[in-house]
């Protein structure tokens, strides 16, 4: 267990950098979205978003995201975009 909480995106960046030289390591792909994200730019920079089944979840150090219904799995890009827009900048209790 870590001594300090870190966000999932930060953890993936650290893992990708640390394991880049390992031949059998498949680099994790991810894209972070916030209220200022331009979806067209995001998709242009990450074309795999259009063809890969996606998982979306808040990266806000929330425990029990699955039990709270805050994870969407095996979704396409339009579904993910709608799911995020419905929940973005809303309080969760």
C-alpha atoms as a PDB file:
ATOM      1  CA  UNK A   1       0.000   0.000   0.000  1.00  0.00           C
ATOM      2  CA  UNK A   2       1.335   3.408  -0.884  1.00  0.00           C
ATOM      3  CA  UNK A   3       2.232   5.935   1.786  1.00  0.00           C
ATOM      4  CA  UNK A   4       0.564   8.704  -0.198  1.00  0.00           C
ATOM      5  CA  UNK A   5      -2.490   8.478  -2.403  1.00  0.00           C
ATOM      6  CA  UNK A   6      -1.815   9.051  -6.092  1.00  0.00           C
ATOM      7  CA  UNK A   7      -4.210   9.378  -8.962  1.00  0.00           C
ATOM      8  CA  UNK A   8      -4.606   6.449 -11.335  1.00  0.00           C
ATOM      9  CA  UNK A   9      -3.395   8.429 -14.364  1.00  0.00           C
ATOM     10  CA  UNK A  10      -0.209   9.377 -12.491  1.00  0.00           C
ATOM     11  CA  UNK A  11       0.346   5.739 -11.546  1.00  0.00           C
ATOM     12  CA  UNK A  12      -0.024   4.647 -15.170  1.00  0.00           C
ATOM     13  CA  UNK A  13       2.489   7.276 -16.301  1.00  0.00           C
ATOM     14  CA  UNK A  14       4.978   6.030 -13.696  1.00  0.00           C
ATOM     15  CA  UNK A  15       4.470   2.385 -14.730  1.00  0.00           C
ATOM     16  CA  UNK A  16       4.763   3.164 -18.446  1.00  0.00           C
ATOM     17  CA  UNK A  17       8.053   5.001 -17.878  1.00  0.00           C
ATOM     18  CA  UNK A  18       9.514   2.432 -15.486  1.00  0.00           C
ATOM     19  CA  UNK A  19       8.614  -0.619 -17.574  1.00  0.00           C
ATOM     20  CA  UNK A  20       9.220   0.803 -21.061  1.00  0.00           C
ATOM     21  CA  UNK A  21      12.418  -1.231 -21.485  1.00  0.00           C
ATOM     22  CA  UNK A  22      10.810  -4.570 -20.536  1.00  0.00           C
ATOM     23  CA  UNK A  23      10.163  -6.471 -23.804  1.00  0.00           C
ATOM     24  CA  UNK A  24       6.967  -8.204 -22.651  1.00  0.00           C
ATOM     25  CA  UNK A  25       5.369  -5.079 -21.151  1.00  0.00           C
ATOM     26  CA  UNK A  26       2.306  -3.805 -23.004  1.00  0.00           C
ATOM     27  CA  UNK A  27       2.142  -0.072 -22.417  1.00  0.00           C
ATOM     28  CA  UNK A  28      -1.123   1.053 -20.881  1.00  0.00           C
ATOM     29  CA  UNK A  29      -3.131   3.475 -22.972  1.00  0.00           C
ATOM     30  CA  UNK A  30      -5.236   6.095 -21.273  1.00  0.00           C
ATOM     31  CA  UNK A  31      -6.630   9.546 -21.831  1.00  0.00           C
ATOM     32  CA  UNK A  32      -7.590  11.991 -19.107  1.00  0.00           C
ATOM     33  CA  UNK A  33     -10.697  14.141 -19.522  1.00  0.00           C
ATOM     34  CA  UNK A  34     -11.802  17.218 -17.594  1.00  0.00           C
ATOM     35  CA  UNK A  35     -14.272  20.045 -18.143  1.00  0.00           C
ATOM     36  CA  UNK A  36     -11.908  21.857 -20.515  1.00  0.00           C
ATOM     37  CA  UNK A  37     -11.205  18.832 -22.736  1.00  0.00           C
ATOM     38  CA  UNK A  38     -11.785  19.315 -26.452  1.00  0.00           C
ATOM     39  CA  UNK A  39     -13.103  15.939 -27.614  1.00  0.00           C
ATOM     40  CA  UNK A  40     -12.007  16.415 -31.240  1.00  0.00           C
ATOM     41  CA  UNK A  41      -8.432  17.180 -30.180  1.00  0.00           C
ATOM     42  CA  UNK A  42      -8.434  14.257 -27.732  1.00  0.00           C
ATOM     43  CA  UNK A  43      -9.522  11.809 -30.442  1.00  0.00           C
ATOM     44  CA  UNK A  44      -7.025  13.219 -32.960  1.00  0.00           C
ATOM     45  CA  UNK A  45      -4.192  12.762 -30.446  1.00  0.00           C
ATOM     46  CA  UNK A  46      -5.427   9.283 -29.420  1.00  0.00           C
ATOM     47  CA  UNK A  47      -6.944   7.583 -32.495  1.00  0.00           C
ATOM     48  CA  UNK A  48      -7.197   4.264 -30.620  1.00  0.00           C
ATOM     49  CA  UNK A  49     -10.190   5.755 -28.756  1.00  0.00           C
ATOM     50  CA  UNK A  50     -12.329   5.153 -31.861  1.00  0.00           C
ATOM     51  CA  UNK A  51     -11.502   1.447 -32.226  1.00  0.00           C
ATOM     52  CA  UNK A  52     -10.758   0.083 -28.749  1.00  0.00           C
ATOM     53  CA  UNK A  53     -13.325  -0.992 -26.132  1.00  0.00           C
ATOM     54  CA  UNK A  54     -13.024   1.626 -23.388  1.00  0.00           C
ATOM     55  CA  UNK A  55     -13.289   1.808 -19.616  1.00  0.00           C
ATOM     56  CA  UNK A  56     -14.184   5.080 -17.954  1.00  0.00           C
ATOM     57  CA  UNK A  57     -14.086   6.028 -14.299  1.00  0.00           C
ATOM     58  CA  UNK A  58     -13.459   9.098 -12.178  1.00  0.00           C
ATOM     59  CA  UNK A  59      -9.854   9.641 -11.110  1.00  0.00           C
ATOM     60  CA  UNK A  60     -10.676  11.433  -7.877  1.00  0.00           C
ATOM     61  CA  UNK A  61      -9.387   9.065  -5.182  1.00  0.00           C
ATOM     62  CA  UNK A  62     -12.908   7.725  -4.580  1.00  0.00           C
ATOM     63  CA  UNK A  63     -13.158   4.379  -2.808  1.00  0.00           C
ATOM     64  CA  UNK A  64     -15.639   1.741  -3.988  1.00  0.00           C
ATOM     65  CA  UNK A  65     -16.175   3.270  -7.436  1.00  0.00           C
ATOM     66  CA  UNK A  66     -17.659   0.015  -8.717  1.00  0.00           C
ATOM     67  CA  UNK A  67     -20.252  -0.236  -5.959  1.00  0.00           C
ATOM     68  CA  UNK A  68     -21.222   3.388  -6.566  1.00  0.00           C
ATOM     69  CA  UNK A  69     -21.802   2.773 -10.286  1.00  0.00           C
ATOM     70  CA  UNK A  70     -18.893   5.005 -11.267  1.00  0.00           C
ATOM     71  CA  UNK A  71     -17.209   2.616 -13.702  1.00  0.00           C
ATOM     72  CA  UNK A  72     -18.320   2.017 -17.288  1.00  0.00           C
ATOM     73  CA  UNK A  73     -16.698  -0.995 -18.986  1.00  0.00           C
ATOM     74  CA  UNK A  74     -16.460  -2.182 -22.606  1.00  0.00           C
ATOM     75  CA  UNK A  75     -18.000   0.975 -24.063  1.00  0.00           C
ATOM     76  CA  UNK A  76     -17.483   2.753 -27.362  1.00  0.00           C
ATOM     77  CA  UNK A  77     -16.431   6.397 -27.645  1.00  0.00           C
ATOM     78  CA  UNK A  78     -19.911   7.964 -28.027  1.00  0.00           C
ATOM     79  CA  UNK A  79     -21.154   6.020 -24.980  1.00  0.00           C
ATOM     80  CA  UNK A  80     -18.131   7.082 -22.939  1.00  0.00           C
ATOM     81  CA  UNK A  81     -18.530  10.723 -23.973  1.00  0.00           C
ATOM     82  CA  UNK A  82     -22.200  10.735 -22.922  1.00  0.00           C
ATOM     83  CA  UNK A  83     -21.405   8.904 -19.642  1.00  0.00           C
ATOM     84  CA  UNK A  84     -18.688  11.410 -18.747  1.00  0.00           C
ATOM     85  CA  UNK A  85     -20.753  14.463 -19.671  1.00  0.00           C
ATOM     86  CA  UNK A  86     -23.617  13.245 -17.426  1.00  0.00           C
ATOM     87  CA  UNK A  87     -21.284  12.996 -14.423  1.00  0.00           C
ATOM     88  CA  UNK A  88     -18.636  15.665 -15.000  1.00  0.00           C
ATOM     89  CA  UNK A  89     -18.369  18.279 -12.244  1.00  0.00           C
ATOM     90  CA  UNK A  90     -21.185  16.769 -10.177  1.00  0.00           C
ATOM     91  CA  UNK A  91     -20.866  16.022  -6.464  1.00  0.00           C
ATOM     92  CA  UNK A  92     -20.834  12.391  -5.382  1.00  0.00           C
ATOM     93  CA  UNK A  93     -21.896  11.294  -1.917  1.00  0.00           C
END
